[in-house]
C-alpha cells in the first residue's frame, strides 16, 4: 500500500481490542482489522453501538461515531501538519433555532 499522508480504514466491525467491548473484558472485534491496523493512521468503525467514542489501539486512532439511526456522526478534520481533529456529534445538537 502506498503511504499517503492519511491512510484510513473504514470497517463495519471494530478492530479487536478497540471499541469492541460488549461486557467487562469481553471483546468481539475483528482480528483481521487488528492485524493490519499499523498500516493505517485512522480507523472508522461501528457495529458496537454502545462504544461511541474515540480510542487508540497500537498507536492508531479508532473512531466509532455511534448509531446513525440515533442521529450520531463524526466530523474528522485532517490536514498535513496536525493530528486529526475528531468531533462526535448528533443531529439533535444541531437543531436550527429560529
PDB file of N, CA and C in Angstrom:
ATOM      1  N   UNK A   1       0.849  -1.177   0.000  1.00  0.00           N
ATOM      2  CA  UNK A   1       0.000   0.000   0.000  1.00  0.00           C
ATOM      3  C   UNK A   1       0.888   1.230   0.000  1.00  0.00           C
ATOM      4  N   UNK A   2       0.610   2.143  -0.904  1.00  0.00           N
ATOM      5  CA  UNK A   2       1.357   3.392  -0.955  1.00  0.00           C
ATOM      6  C   UNK A   2       0.968   4.245   0.250  1.00  0.00           C
ATOM      7  N   UNK A   3       1.951   4.790   0.913  1.00  0.00           N
ATOM      8  CA  UNK A   3       1.700   5.609   2.100  1.00  0.00           C
ATOM      9  C   UNK A   3       1.327   7.023   1.682  1.00  0.00           C
ATOM     10  N   UNK A   4       0.134   7.423   2.034  1.00  0.00           N
ATOM     11  CA  UNK A   4      -0.331   8.790   1.843  1.00  0.00           C
ATOM     12  C   UNK A   4      -0.180   9.517   3.171  1.00  0.00           C
ATOM     13  N   UNK A   5      -0.524  10.771   3.215  1.00  0.00           N
ATOM     14  CA  UNK A   5      -0.460  11.485   4.485  1.00  0.00           C
ATOM     15  C   UNK A   5      -1.398  10.837   5.488  1.00  0.00           C
ATOM     16  N   UNK A   6      -2.582  10.498   5.048  1.00  0.00           N
ATOM     17  CA  UNK A   6      -3.551   9.829   5.922  1.00  0.00           C
ATOM     18  C   UNK A   6      -4.076   8.592   5.223  1.00  0.00           C
ATOM     19  N   UNK A   7      -3.855   7.448   5.798  1.00  0.00           N
ATOM     20  CA  UNK A   7      -4.446   6.196   5.317  1.00  0.00           C
ATOM     21  C   UNK A   7      -5.539   5.824   6.303  1.00  0.00           C
ATOM     22  N   UNK A   8      -6.766   5.686   5.798  1.00  0.00           N
ATOM     23  CA  UNK A   8      -7.936   5.494   6.649  1.00  0.00           C
ATOM     24  C   UNK A   8      -8.603   4.169   6.304  1.00  0.00           C
ATOM     25  N   UNK A   9      -8.874   3.382   7.338  1.00  0.00           N
ATOM     26  CA  UNK A   9      -9.598   2.122   7.183  1.00  0.00           C
ATOM     27  C   UNK A   9     -11.035   2.347   7.632  1.00  0.00           C
ATOM     28  N   UNK A  10     -11.984   2.091   6.733  1.00  0.00           N
ATOM     29  CA  UNK A  10     -13.408   2.136   7.065  1.00  0.00           C
ATOM     30  C   UNK A  10     -13.899   0.703   7.151  1.00  0.00           C
ATOM     31  N   UNK A  11     -14.414   0.330   8.295  1.00  0.00           N
ATOM     32  CA  UNK A  11     -14.848  -1.041   8.501  1.00  0.00           C
ATOM     33  C   UNK A  11     -16.077  -1.060   9.399  1.00  0.00           C
ATOM     34  N   UNK A  12     -16.957  -2.005   9.144  1.00  0.00           N
ATOM     35  CA  UNK A  12     -18.140  -2.099   9.995  1.00  0.00           C
ATOM     36  C   UNK A  12     -17.757  -2.551  11.401  1.00  0.00           C
ATOM     37  N   UNK A  13     -17.035  -3.650  11.479  1.00  0.00           N
ATOM     38  CA  UNK A  13     -16.618  -4.176  12.786  1.00  0.00           C
ATOM     39  C   UNK A  13     -15.366  -3.458  13.274  1.00  0.00           C
ATOM     40  N   UNK A  14     -15.280  -3.165  14.556  1.00  0.00           N
ATOM     41  CA  UNK A  14     -14.077  -2.540  15.091  1.00  0.00           C
ATOM     42  C   UNK A  14     -12.921  -3.542  15.139  1.00  0.00           C
ATOM     43  N   UNK A  15     -11.696  -3.042  15.170  1.00  0.00           N
ATOM     44  CA  UNK A  15     -10.573  -3.967  15.344  1.00  0.00           C
ATOM     45  C   UNK A  15     -10.616  -4.563  16.749  1.00  0.00           C
ATOM     46  N   UNK A  16     -10.176  -5.801  16.871  1.00  0.00           N
ATOM     47  CA  UNK A  16     -10.162  -6.459  18.174  1.00  0.00           C
ATOM     48  C   UNK A  16      -9.316  -5.638  19.145  1.00  0.00           C
ATOM     49  N   UNK A  17      -9.929  -5.272  20.278  1.00  0.00           N
ATOM     50  CA  UNK A  17      -9.218  -4.536  21.319  1.00  0.00           C
ATOM     51  C   UNK A  17      -9.517  -3.051  21.374  1.00  0.00           C
ATOM     52  N   UNK A  18     -10.290  -2.548  20.421  1.00  0.00           N
ATOM     53  CA  UNK A  18     -10.632  -1.118  20.433  1.00  0.00           C
ATOM     54  C   UNK A  18     -12.118  -0.951  20.145  1.00  0.00           C
ATOM     55  N   UNK A  19     -12.823  -0.316  21.035  1.00  0.00           N
ATOM     56  CA  UNK A  19     -14.240  -0.004  20.851  1.00  0.00           C
ATOM     57  C   UNK A  19     -15.065  -1.251  20.543  1.00  0.00           C
ATOM     58  N   UNK A  20     -14.668  -2.375  21.138  1.00  0.00           N
ATOM     59  CA  UNK A  20     -15.330  -3.644  20.833  1.00  0.00           C
ATOM     60  C   UNK A  20     -15.789  -4.407  22.069  1.00  0.00           C
ATOM     61  N   UNK A  21     -15.818  -3.746  23.214  1.00  0.00           N
ATOM     62  CA  UNK A  21     -16.170  -4.428  24.457  1.00  0.00           C
ATOM     63  C   UNK A  21     -17.688  -4.446  24.631  1.00  0.00           C
ATOM     64  N   UNK A  22     -18.246  -5.646  24.801  1.00  0.00           N
ATOM     65  CA  UNK A  22     -19.691  -5.794  24.983  1.00  0.00           C
ATOM     66  C   UNK A  22     -20.063  -6.123  26.425  1.00  0.00           C
ATOM     67  N   UNK A  23     -19.082  -6.473  27.219  1.00  0.00           N
ATOM     68  CA  UNK A  23     -19.209  -6.734  28.653  1.00  0.00           C
ATOM     69  C   UNK A  23     -17.788  -6.588  29.210  1.00  0.00           C
ATOM     70  N   UNK A  24     -17.642  -6.440  30.516  1.00  0.00           N
ATOM     71  CA  UNK A  24     -16.285  -6.303  31.053  1.00  0.00           C
ATOM     72  C   UNK A  24     -15.364  -7.432  30.574  1.00  0.00           C
ATOM     73  N   UNK A  25     -14.284  -7.031  29.938  1.00  0.00           N
ATOM     74  CA  UNK A  25     -13.268  -7.958  29.414  1.00  0.00           C
ATOM     75  C   UNK A  25     -13.787  -8.923  28.357  1.00  0.00           C
ATOM     76  N   UNK A  26     -14.881  -8.586  27.690  1.00  0.00           N
ATOM     77  CA  UNK A  26     -15.399  -9.407  26.588  1.00  0.00           C
ATOM     78  C   UNK A  26     -15.304  -8.572  25.304  1.00  0.00           C
ATOM     79  N   UNK A  27     -14.318  -8.916  24.481  1.00  0.00           N
ATOM     80  CA  UNK A  27     -14.067  -8.193  23.234  1.00  0.00           C
ATOM     81  C   UNK A  27     -14.545  -9.023  22.054  1.00  0.00           C
ATOM     82  N   UNK A  28     -15.221  -8.380  21.108  1.00  0.00           N
ATOM     83  CA  UNK A  28     -15.782  -9.086  19.957  1.00  0.00           C
ATOM     84  C   UNK A  28     -15.323  -8.475  18.632  1.00  0.00           C
ATOM     85  N   UNK A  29     -14.252  -7.712  18.674  1.00  0.00           N
ATOM     86  CA  UNK A  29     -13.759  -7.040  17.477  1.00  0.00           C
ATOM     87  C   UNK A  29     -13.146  -7.991  16.465  1.00  0.00           C
ATOM     88  N   UNK A  30     -12.814  -7.433  15.327  1.00  0.00           N
ATOM     89  CA  UNK A  30     -12.291  -8.182  14.191  1.00  0.00           C
ATOM     90  C   UNK A  30     -10.777  -8.361  14.316  1.00  0.00           C
ATOM     91  N   UNK A  31     -10.344  -9.608  14.370  1.00  0.00           N
ATOM     92  CA  UNK A  31      -8.908  -9.897  14.461  1.00  0.00           C
ATOM     93  C   UNK A  31      -8.171  -9.487  13.185  1.00  0.00           C
ATOM     94  N   UNK A  32      -8.820  -9.612  12.031  1.00  0.00           N
ATOM     95  CA  UNK A  32      -8.191  -9.231  10.762  1.00  0.00           C
ATOM     96  C   UNK A  32      -7.909  -7.735  10.719  1.00  0.00           C
ATOM     97  N   UNK A  33      -8.846  -6.929  11.185  1.00  0.00           N
ATOM     98  CA  UNK A  33      -8.634  -5.479  11.214  1.00  0.00           C
ATOM     99  C   UNK A  33      -7.523  -5.124  12.194  1.00  0.00           C
ATOM    100  N   UNK A  34      -7.473  -5.794  13.335  1.00  0.00           N
ATOM    101  CA  UNK A  34      -6.414  -5.543  14.313  1.00  0.00           C
ATOM    102  C   UNK A  34      -5.046  -5.920  13.753  1.00  0.00           C
ATOM    103  N   UNK A  35      -4.993  -6.949  12.915  1.00  0.00           N
ATOM    104  CA  UNK A  35      -3.720  -7.412  12.365  1.00  0.00           C
ATOM    105  C   UNK A  35      -3.110  -6.415  11.382  1.00  0.00           C
ATOM    106  N   UNK A  36      -3.934  -5.598  10.732  1.00  0.00           N
ATOM    107  CA  UNK A  36      -3.414  -4.644   9.738  1.00  0.00           C
ATOM    108  C   UNK A  36      -3.501  -3.193  10.214  1.00  0.00           C
ATOM    109  N   UNK A  37      -3.854  -2.990  11.465  1.00  0.00           N
ATOM    110  CA  UNK A  37      -4.101  -1.625  11.938  1.00  0.00           C
ATOM    111  C   UNK A  37      -2.889  -0.706  11.803  1.00  0.00           C
ATOM    112  N   UNK A  38      -1.689  -1.232  11.927  1.00  0.00           N
ATOM    113  CA  UNK A  38      -0.482  -0.399  11.822  1.00  0.00           C
ATOM    114  C   UNK A  38      -0.263   0.154  10.417  1.00  0.00           C
ATOM    115  N   UNK A  39      -0.973  -0.377   9.427  1.00  0.00           N
ATOM    116  CA  UNK A  39      -0.874   0.140   8.063  1.00  0.00           C
ATOM    117  C   UNK A  39      -1.727   1.392   7.864  1.00  0.00           C
ATOM    118  N   UNK A  40      -2.526   1.723   8.871  1.00  0.00           N
ATOM    119  CA  UNK A  40      -3.450   2.850   8.772  1.00  0.00           C
ATOM    120  C   UNK A  40      -3.177   3.855   9.886  1.00  0.00           C
ATOM    121  N   UNK A  41      -3.601   5.086   9.650  1.00  0.00           N
ATOM    122  CA  UNK A  41      -3.462   6.128  10.653  1.00  0.00           C
ATOM    123  C   UNK A  41      -4.738   6.276  11.473  1.00  0.00           C
ATOM    124  N   UNK A  42      -5.845   5.947  10.841  1.00  0.00           N
ATOM    125  CA  UNK A  42      -7.152   6.186  11.435  1.00  0.00           C
ATOM    126  C   UNK A  42      -8.089   5.053  11.026  1.00  0.00           C
ATOM    127  N   UNK A  43      -8.860   4.547  11.984  1.00  0.00           N
ATOM    128  CA  UNK A  43      -9.846   3.505  11.717  1.00  0.00           C
ATOM    129  C   UNK A  43     -11.221   4.048  12.098  1.00  0.00           C
ATOM    130  N   UNK A  44     -12.148   4.020  11.153  1.00  0.00           N
ATOM    131  CA  UNK A  44     -13.533   4.414  11.411  1.00  0.00           C
ATOM    132  C   UNK A  44     -14.376   3.143  11.372  1.00  0.00           C
ATOM    133  N   UNK A  45     -15.092   2.885  12.456  1.00  0.00           N
ATOM    134  CA  UNK A  45     -15.851   1.640  12.559  1.00  0.00           C
ATOM    135  C   UNK A  45     -17.201   1.905  13.216  1.00  0.00           C
ATOM    136  N   UNK A  46     -17.962   0.855  13.360  1.00  0.00           N
ATOM    137  CA  UNK A  46     -19.268   0.948  14.005  1.00  0.00           C
ATOM    138  C   UNK A  46     -19.560  -0.349  14.712  1.00  0.00           C
ATOM    139  N   UNK A  47     -20.707  -0.912  14.442  1.00  0.00           N
ATOM    140  CA  UNK A  47     -21.182  -2.211  14.905  1.00  0.00           C
ATOM    141  C   UNK A  47     -21.534  -2.252  16.390  1.00  0.00           C
ATOM    142  N   UNK A  48     -20.630  -1.877  17.271  1.00  0.00           N
ATOM    143  CA  UNK A  48     -20.918  -1.928  18.708  1.00  0.00           C
ATOM    144  C   UNK A  48     -21.493  -0.565  19.103  1.00  0.00           C
ATOM    145  N   UNK A  49     -22.809  -0.458  19.098  1.00  0.00           N
ATOM    146  CA  UNK A  49     -23.483   0.829  19.297  1.00  0.00           C
ATOM    147  C   UNK A  49     -23.123   1.494  20.613  1.00  0.00           C
ATOM    148  N   UNK A  50     -22.887   0.709  21.644  1.00  0.00           N
ATOM    149  CA  UNK A  50     -22.613   1.266  22.973  1.00  0.00           C
ATOM    150  C   UNK A  50     -21.194   1.821  23.098  1.00  0.00           C
ATOM    151  N   UNK A  51     -20.360   1.593  22.106  1.00  0.00           N
ATOM    152  CA  UNK A  51     -18.960   2.025  22.173  1.00  0.00           C
ATOM    153  C   UNK A  51     -18.714   3.305  21.379  1.00  0.00           C
ATOM    154  N   UNK A  52     -19.631   4.227  21.414  1.00  0.00           N
ATOM    155  CA  UNK A  52     -19.469   5.518  20.739  1.00  0.00           C
ATOM    156  C   UNK A  52     -18.333   6.265  21.426  1.00  0.00           C
ATOM    157  N   UNK A  53     -17.217   6.421  20.710  1.00  0.00           N
ATOM    158  CA  UNK A  53     -16.052   7.059  21.328  1.00  0.00           C
ATOM    159  C   UNK A  53     -14.917   7.190  20.321  1.00  0.00           C
ATOM    160  N   UNK A  54     -13.873   7.852  20.780  1.00  0.00           N
ATOM    161  CA  UNK A  54     -12.592   7.900  20.082  1.00  0.00           C
ATOM    162  C   UNK A  54     -11.613   7.182  20.993  1.00  0.00           C
ATOM    163  N   UNK A  55     -10.862   6.262  20.428  1.00  0.00           N
ATOM    164  CA  UNK A  55      -9.953   5.433  21.209  1.00  0.00           C
ATOM    165  C   UNK A  55      -8.642   5.283  20.450  1.00  0.00           C
ATOM    166  N   UNK A  56      -7.707   4.588  21.067  1.00  0.00           N
ATOM    167  CA  UNK A  56      -6.424   4.328  20.428  1.00  0.00           C
ATOM    168  C   UNK A  56      -6.086   2.848  20.580  1.00  0.00           C
ATOM    169  N   UNK A  57      -5.511   2.289  19.533  1.00  0.00           N
ATOM    170  CA  UNK A  57      -5.039   0.908  19.567  1.00  0.00           C
ATOM    171  C   UNK A  57      -3.712   0.852  18.811  1.00  0.00           C
ATOM    172  N   UNK A  58      -2.691   0.398  19.469  1.00  0.00           N
ATOM    173  CA  UNK A  58      -1.357   0.285  18.863  1.00  0.00           C
ATOM    174  C   UNK A  58      -0.911   1.594  18.209  1.00  0.00           C
ATOM    175  N   UNK A  59      -1.197   2.695  18.866  1.00  0.00           N
ATOM    176  CA  UNK A  59      -0.788   3.999  18.357  1.00  0.00           C
ATOM    177  C   UNK A  59      -1.631   4.530  17.221  1.00  0.00           C
ATOM    178  N   UNK A  60      -2.754   3.894  16.941  1.00  0.00           N
ATOM    179  CA  UNK A  60      -3.639   4.328  15.863  1.00  0.00           C
ATOM    180  C   UNK A  60      -4.955   4.800  16.451  1.00  0.00           C
ATOM    181  N   UNK A  61      -5.554   5.785  15.796  1.00  0.00           N
ATOM    182  CA  UNK A  61      -6.805   6.368  16.259  1.00  0.00           C
ATOM    183  C   UNK A  61      -7.973   5.541  15.723  1.00  0.00           C
ATOM    184  N   UNK A  62      -8.906   5.220  16.609  1.00  0.00           N
ATOM    185  CA  UNK A  62     -10.120   4.483  16.241  1.00  0.00           C
ATOM    186  C   UNK A  62     -11.332   5.340  16.606  1.00  0.00           C
ATOM    187  N   UNK A  63     -12.274   5.434  15.675  1.00  0.00           N
ATOM    188  CA  UNK A  63     -13.461   6.265  15.871  1.00  0.00           C
ATOM    189  C   UNK A  63     -14.716   5.440  15.626  1.00  0.00           C
ATOM    190  N   UNK A  64     -15.630   5.456  16.588  1.00  0.00           N
ATOM    191  CA  UNK A  64     -16.964   4.883  16.416  1.00  0.00           C
ATOM    192  C   UNK A  64     -17.941   6.021  16.711  1.00  0.00           C
ATOM    193  N   UNK A  65     -18.595   6.570  15.682  1.00  0.00           N
ATOM    194  CA  UNK A  65     -19.496   7.701  15.906  1.00  0.00           C
ATOM    195  C   UNK A  65     -20.799   7.337  16.594  1.00  0.00           C
ATOM    196  N   UNK A  66     -21.077   6.049  16.748  1.00  0.00           N
ATOM    197  CA  UNK A  66     -22.341   5.616  17.334  1.00  0.00           C
ATOM    198  C   UNK A  66     -23.378   5.405  16.261  1.00  0.00           C
ATOM    199  N   UNK A  67     -24.546   4.909  16.630  1.00  0.00           N
ATOM    200  CA  UNK A  67     -25.548   4.549  15.634  1.00  0.00           C
ATOM    201  C   UNK A  67     -26.124   5.755  14.890  1.00  0.00           C
ATOM    202  N   UNK A  68     -26.075   5.675  13.565  1.00  0.00           N
ATOM    203  CA  UNK A  68     -26.631   6.741  12.729  1.00  0.00           C
ATOM    204  C   UNK A  68     -28.138   6.859  12.922  1.00  0.00           C
ATOM    205  N   UNK A  69     -28.799   5.737  13.212  1.00  0.00           N
ATOM    206  CA  UNK A  69     -30.262   5.779  13.388  1.00  0.00           C
ATOM    207  C   UNK A  69     -30.666   6.662  14.566  1.00  0.00           C
ATOM    208  N   UNK A  70     -29.730   6.943  15.448  1.00  0.00           N
ATOM    209  CA  UNK A  70     -29.979   7.839  16.572  1.00  0.00           C
ATOM    210  C   UNK A  70     -29.440   9.249  16.306  1.00  0.00           C
ATOM    211  N   UNK A  71     -28.989   9.484  15.074  1.00  0.00           N
ATOM    212  CA  UNK A  71     -28.520  10.811  14.683  1.00  0.00           C
ATOM    213  C   UNK A  71     -27.047  11.074  14.948  1.00  0.00           C
ATOM    214  N   UNK A  72     -26.290  10.046  15.260  1.00  0.00           N
ATOM    215  CA  UNK A  72     -24.872  10.228  15.576  1.00  0.00           C
ATOM    216  C   UNK A  72     -24.009  10.263  14.319  1.00  0.00           C
ATOM    217  N   UNK A  73     -22.940  11.030  14.382  1.00  0.00           N
ATOM    218  CA  UNK A  73     -21.947  11.072  13.317  1.00  0.00           C
ATOM    219  C   UNK A  73     -20.663  11.660  13.873  1.00  0.00           C
ATOM    220  N   UNK A  74     -19.604  11.597  13.071  1.00  0.00           N
ATOM    221  CA  UNK A  74     -18.313  12.162  13.473  1.00  0.00           C
ATOM    222  C   UNK A  74     -17.849  13.128  12.402  1.00  0.00           C
ATOM    223  N   UNK A  75     -17.258  14.215  12.840  1.00  0.00           N
ATOM    224  CA  UNK A  75     -16.580  15.147  11.945  1.00  0.00           C
ATOM    225  C   UNK A  75     -15.093  14.937  12.172  1.00  0.00           C
ATOM    226  N   UNK A  76     -14.385  14.634  11.101  1.00  0.00           N
ATOM    227  CA  UNK A  76     -12.940  14.394  11.188  1.00  0.00           C
ATOM    228  C   UNK A  76     -12.249  15.390  10.282  1.00  0.00           C
ATOM    229  N   UNK A  77     -11.420  16.227  10.875  1.00  0.00           N
ATOM    230  CA  UNK A  77     -10.702  17.259  10.130  1.00  0.00           C
ATOM    231  C   UNK A  77      -9.245  16.838  10.022  1.00  0.00           C
ATOM    232  N   UNK A  78      -8.789  16.697   8.779  1.00  0.00           N
ATOM    233  CA  UNK A  78      -7.418  16.266   8.520  1.00  0.00           C
ATOM    234  C   UNK A  78      -6.661  17.381   7.811  1.00  0.00           C
ATOM    235  N   UNK A  79      -5.415  17.571   8.204  1.00  0.00           N
ATOM    236  CA  UNK A  79      -4.532  18.448   7.441  1.00  0.00           C
ATOM    237  C   UNK A  79      -3.134  17.836   7.431  1.00  0.00           C
ATOM    238  N   UNK A  80      -2.232  18.441   6.717  1.00  0.00           N
ATOM    239  CA  UNK A  80      -0.906  17.853   6.526  1.00  0.00           C
ATOM    240  C   UNK A  80       0.028  18.008   7.717  1.00  0.00           C
ATOM    241  N   UNK A  81      -0.284  18.890   8.643  1.00  0.00           N
ATOM    242  CA  UNK A  81       0.674  19.192   9.698  1.00  0.00           C
ATOM    243  C   UNK A  81       0.242  18.782  11.100  1.00  0.00           C
ATOM    244  N   UNK A  82      -1.034  18.603  11.330  1.00  0.00           N
ATOM    245  CA  UNK A  82      -1.526  18.342  12.684  1.00  0.00           C
ATOM    246  C   UNK A  82      -2.186  16.976  12.778  1.00  0.00           C
ATOM    247  N   UNK A  83      -2.350  16.520  14.008  1.00  0.00           N
ATOM    248  CA  UNK A  83      -3.118  15.303  14.252  1.00  0.00           C
ATOM    249  C   UNK A  83      -4.580  15.577  13.909  1.00  0.00           C
ATOM    250  N   UNK A  84      -5.335  14.548  13.576  1.00  0.00           N
ATOM    251  CA  UNK A  84      -6.747  14.757  13.230  1.00  0.00           C
ATOM    252  C   UNK A  84      -7.531  15.378  14.377  1.00  0.00           C
ATOM    253  N   UNK A  85      -8.452  16.229  14.012  1.00  0.00           N
ATOM    254  CA  UNK A  85      -9.408  16.761  14.984  1.00  0.00           C
ATOM    255  C   UNK A  85     -10.688  15.959  14.785  1.00  0.00           C
ATOM    256  N   UNK A  86     -11.151  15.295  15.844  1.00  0.00           N
ATOM    257  CA  UNK A  86     -12.308  14.416  15.742  1.00  0.00           C
ATOM    258  C   UNK A  86     -13.375  14.901  16.713  1.00  0.00           C
ATOM    259  N   UNK A  87     -14.553  15.147  16.177  1.00  0.00           N
ATOM    260  CA  UNK A  87     -15.659  15.636  16.988  1.00  0.00           C
ATOM    261  C   UNK A  87     -16.846  14.692  16.793  1.00  0.00           C
ATOM    262  N   UNK A  88     -17.304  14.074  17.877  1.00  0.00           N
ATOM    263  CA  UNK A  88     -18.506  13.244  17.824  1.00  0.00           C
ATOM    264  C   UNK A  88     -19.715  14.149  17.983  1.00  0.00           C
ATOM    265  N   UNK A  89     -20.689  14.008  17.081  1.00  0.00           N
ATOM    266  CA  UNK A  89     -21.832  14.907  17.088  1.00  0.00           C
ATOM    267  C   UNK A  89     -23.127  14.124  16.967  1.00  0.00           C
ATOM    268  N   UNK A  90     -24.214  14.835  17.160  1.00  0.00           N
ATOM    269  CA  UNK A  90     -25.556  14.283  16.995  1.00  0.00           C
ATOM    270  C   UNK A  90     -26.406  15.351  16.326  1.00  0.00           C
ATOM    271  N   UNK A  91     -27.240  14.934  15.379  1.00  0.00           N
ATOM    272  CA  UNK A  91     -28.043  15.917  14.644  1.00  0.00           C
ATOM    273  C   UNK A  91     -28.980  16.704  15.549  1.00  0.00           C
ATOM    274  N   UNK A  92     -29.367  16.131  16.680  1.00  0.00           N
ATOM    275  CA  UNK A  92     -30.235  16.855  17.613  1.00  0.00           C
ATOM    276  C   UNK A  92     -29.518  18.050  18.228  1.00  0.00           C
ATOM    277  N   UNK A  93     -28.202  17.963  18.305  1.00  0.00           N
ATOM    278  CA  UNK A  93     -27.412  19.070  18.838  1.00  0.00           C
ATOM    279  C   UNK A  93     -27.336  20.221  17.844  1.00  0.00           C
ATOM    280  N   UNK A  94     -27.698  19.938  16.582  1.00  0.00           N
ATOM    281  CA  UNK A  94     -27.577  20.915  15.519  1.00  0.00           C
ATOM    282  C   UNK A  94     -28.927  21.549  15.188  1.00  0.00           C
ATOM    283  N   UNK A  95     -29.882  21.460  16.070  1.00  0.00           N
ATOM    284  CA  UNK A  95     -31.229  21.960  15.799  1.00  0.00           C
ATOM    285  C   UNK A  95     -31.182  23.436  15.391  1.00  0.00           C
ATOM    286  N   UNK A  96     -31.914  23.750  14.365  1.00  0.00           N
ATOM    287  CA  UNK A  96     -31.976  25.125  13.888  1.00  0.00           C
ATOM    288  C   UNK A  96     -32.878  25.917  14.838  1.00  0.00           C
ATOM    289  N   UNK A  97     -32.335  27.016  15.302  1.00  0.00           N
ATOM    290  CA  UNK A  97     -33.128  27.873  16.197  1.00  0.00           C
ATOM    291  C   UNK A  97     -33.633  29.066  15.406  1.00  0.00           C
ATOM    292  N   UNK A  98     -34.911  29.342  15.518  1.00  0.00           N
ATOM    293  CA  UNK A  98     -35.497  30.472  14.791  1.00  0.00           C
ATOM    294  C   UNK A  98     -35.781  31.608  15.725  1.00  0.00           C
TER     295      UNK A  98
END
